[in-house]
Each structure stands twice: as structure tokens, then as C-alpha cells.
Protein backbone atom coordinates (compact mmCIF):
# COMPACT_ATOMS: atom_id res chain seq x y z
CA MET A 1 -18.65 -5.79 52.68
CA LEU A 2 -19.04 -8.86 54.50
CA THR A 3 -19.37 -12.29 53.17
CA LYS A 4 -21.68 -14.48 54.47
CA VAL A 5 -19.81 -16.90 56.71
CA MET A 6 -18.14 -13.50 58.48
CA LEU A 7 -21.44 -12.33 59.01
CA ASP A 8 -22.64 -15.04 60.61
CA LYS A 9 -19.71 -15.53 62.90
CA LEU A 10 -20.12 -11.32 64.31
CA ASN A 11 -23.83 -11.89 64.87
CA LYS A 12 -22.60 -14.77 66.48
CA GLN A 13 -20.38 -13.43 68.37
CA ILE A 14 -22.46 -9.94 68.83
CA ASN A 15 -24.51 -13.23 71.07
CA PHE A 16 -21.76 -14.86 72.92
CA GLU A 17 -20.33 -11.40 74.02
CA PHE A 18 -23.54 -10.52 75.65
CA TYR A 19 -23.89 -13.84 76.98
CA SER A 20 -20.89 -13.51 78.65
CA SER A 21 -21.49 -10.43 80.35
CA ASN A 22 -24.66 -11.99 81.73
CA VAL A 23 -22.74 -15.03 82.81
CA TYR A 24 -20.25 -12.73 84.62
CA LEU A 25 -22.93 -10.62 85.97
CA GLN A 26 -24.35 -13.35 87.42
CA MET A 27 -21.47 -14.56 88.96
CA ALA A 28 -21.45 -10.85 90.66
CA SER A 29 -24.60 -11.73 92.38
CA TRP A 30 -23.33 -15.14 93.45
CA ALA A 31 -20.90 -13.85 94.98
CA ASP A 32 -22.03 -10.46 96.27
CA THR A 33 -25.00 -12.52 98.26
CA GLN A 34 -22.33 -14.54 99.78
CA GLY A 35 -20.59 -11.73 100.95
CA LEU A 36 -17.44 -11.45 98.70
CA GLU A 37 -18.20 -8.07 97.63
CA GLY A 38 -14.74 -7.26 96.28
CA CYS A 39 -14.89 -10.01 93.75
CA ALA A 40 -18.55 -9.11 92.93
CA LYS A 41 -16.68 -5.96 92.24
CA PHE A 42 -14.66 -7.87 89.87
CA MET A 43 -17.01 -9.82 87.90
CA LYS A 44 -19.42 -6.51 87.48
CA LYS A 45 -16.54 -4.77 85.45
CA GLN A 46 -16.11 -7.81 83.59
CA ALA A 47 -19.65 -8.02 82.60
CA LYS A 48 -19.13 -4.54 81.65
CA GLU A 49 -15.97 -5.14 79.55
CA GLU A 50 -18.11 -7.94 77.37
CA LEU A 51 -20.89 -5.19 76.83
CA VAL A 52 -18.33 -3.23 75.47
CA HIS A 53 -16.86 -5.79 73.10
CA MET A 54 -20.45 -6.74 72.10
CA HIS A 55 -20.96 -3.03 71.27
CA LYS A 56 -17.39 -2.88 69.19
CA ILE A 57 -18.85 -5.85 67.05
CA PHE A 58 -22.27 -4.54 66.80
CA GLU A 59 -21.45 -1.52 65.08
CA TYR A 60 -18.62 -2.79 63.14
CA VAL A 61 -21.18 -4.98 61.21
CA LEU A 62 -23.30 -1.79 61.03
CA GLU A 63 -20.59 0.38 59.77
CA SER A 64 -19.73 -2.59 57.12
CA GLY A 65 -23.36 -2.03 55.99
CA GLU A 66 -24.73 -5.08 57.11
CA MET A 67 -27.59 -5.55 59.87
CA ALA A 68 -26.24 -7.19 63.20
CA VAL A 69 -28.67 -9.21 64.67
CA VAL A 70 -29.53 -9.89 68.68
CA GLY A 71 -30.68 -13.55 68.81
CA LYS A 72 -32.21 -15.45 71.61
CA LEU A 73 -29.80 -15.61 75.00
CA ASP A 74 -29.56 -18.65 77.19
CA ALA A 75 -30.06 -17.95 81.34
CA PRO A 76 -26.61 -18.11 82.91
CA PRO A 77 -25.76 -20.60 85.28
CA THR A 78 -27.09 -19.34 88.79
CA ASP A 79 -25.75 -21.64 91.39
CA TYR A 80 -22.01 -21.98 92.45
CA ASP A 81 -19.58 -24.08 95.11
CA SER A 82 -17.49 -21.52 95.82
CA ILE A 83 -15.78 -18.68 94.48
CA GLU A 84 -12.57 -20.58 93.30
CA GLU A 85 -15.29 -22.52 91.48
CA ILE A 86 -16.90 -19.66 89.52
CA PHE A 87 -12.80 -17.90 88.54
CA LYS A 88 -12.25 -21.93 87.21
CA LYS A 89 -15.15 -21.41 85.23
CA SER A 90 -14.96 -17.99 83.94
CA LEU A 91 -11.15 -18.83 83.10
CA GLU A 92 -13.02 -21.64 80.96
CA HIS A 93 -15.38 -19.63 79.77
CA GLU A 94 -12.42 -17.03 78.73
CA LYS A 95 -10.67 -19.71 76.66
CA GLN A 96 -14.17 -20.36 74.76
CA VAL A 97 -14.09 -16.75 73.82
CA THR A 98 -10.59 -15.91 72.57
CA LYS A 99 -10.65 -19.39 70.50
CA ARG A 100 -13.73 -17.94 68.64
CA ILE A 101 -12.13 -14.63 68.26
CA HIS A 102 -9.10 -16.42 67.02
CA ASP A 103 -11.63 -18.38 64.19
CA ILE A 104 -12.76 -15.24 63.52
CA ALA A 105 -9.58 -13.67 62.35
CA GLU A 106 -8.57 -17.18 60.42
CA THR A 107 -11.75 -16.55 58.77
CA ALA A 108 -10.77 -12.85 58.09
CA TRP A 109 -7.56 -14.17 56.71
CA LYS A 110 -9.13 -16.60 54.74
């Protein structure tokens, strides 16, 4: 059984992982339109990985006897100045994801 606090955090993470997938997919689209097929392929792979994470958390919530909730997602940014910006933004985003996962782990330990 999950506490309400943990359930809320996990459901928020489900949505954040889903959003993350969309961020990387949008980055892939930008890279592809710039003729950067290798970078686009890399970002598409990252997008798929985030969906795997989302589904794992989703299934965990269900297996815990709770309801997973997929909420409204914001549209990801669409405009970038360079591939360097994309990789800097993706690193910043991954740091956010890691911080959120550490917060969930800390809550679980408590």
C-alpha cells in the first residue's frame, strides 16, 4: 500500500516521464528538420526510454493496488537555436528527472 504522499509523487512522476518523452521527441523533430539525422535518432531513442520509465512507474502504482493517473501535459518547446542548445537543455532536463527520482527515493526511505 502506498501512502497518499508517495502515490501523489509517483503519479506526478508518471506525467513527468511522459512529458520528458515528448520533450525529446520534439528535440528529435527539430534535429531532423535541420538535417541532423544522427542526433534525431539519438533523441528518439531517449524519448522511447522515457516512455519505458513512465510505464514501469505506471505498472508499479497499479500493482500496489492504487490508480495511476495520467494528467494533462504541457506542450514541449519547439524552437531551438542549435544542436548544442538541445544537448544543454536535455542535460538540464535529465538533472531535473534525477532530482525528482532522488526525492521519491527519500520519501520511500522515510
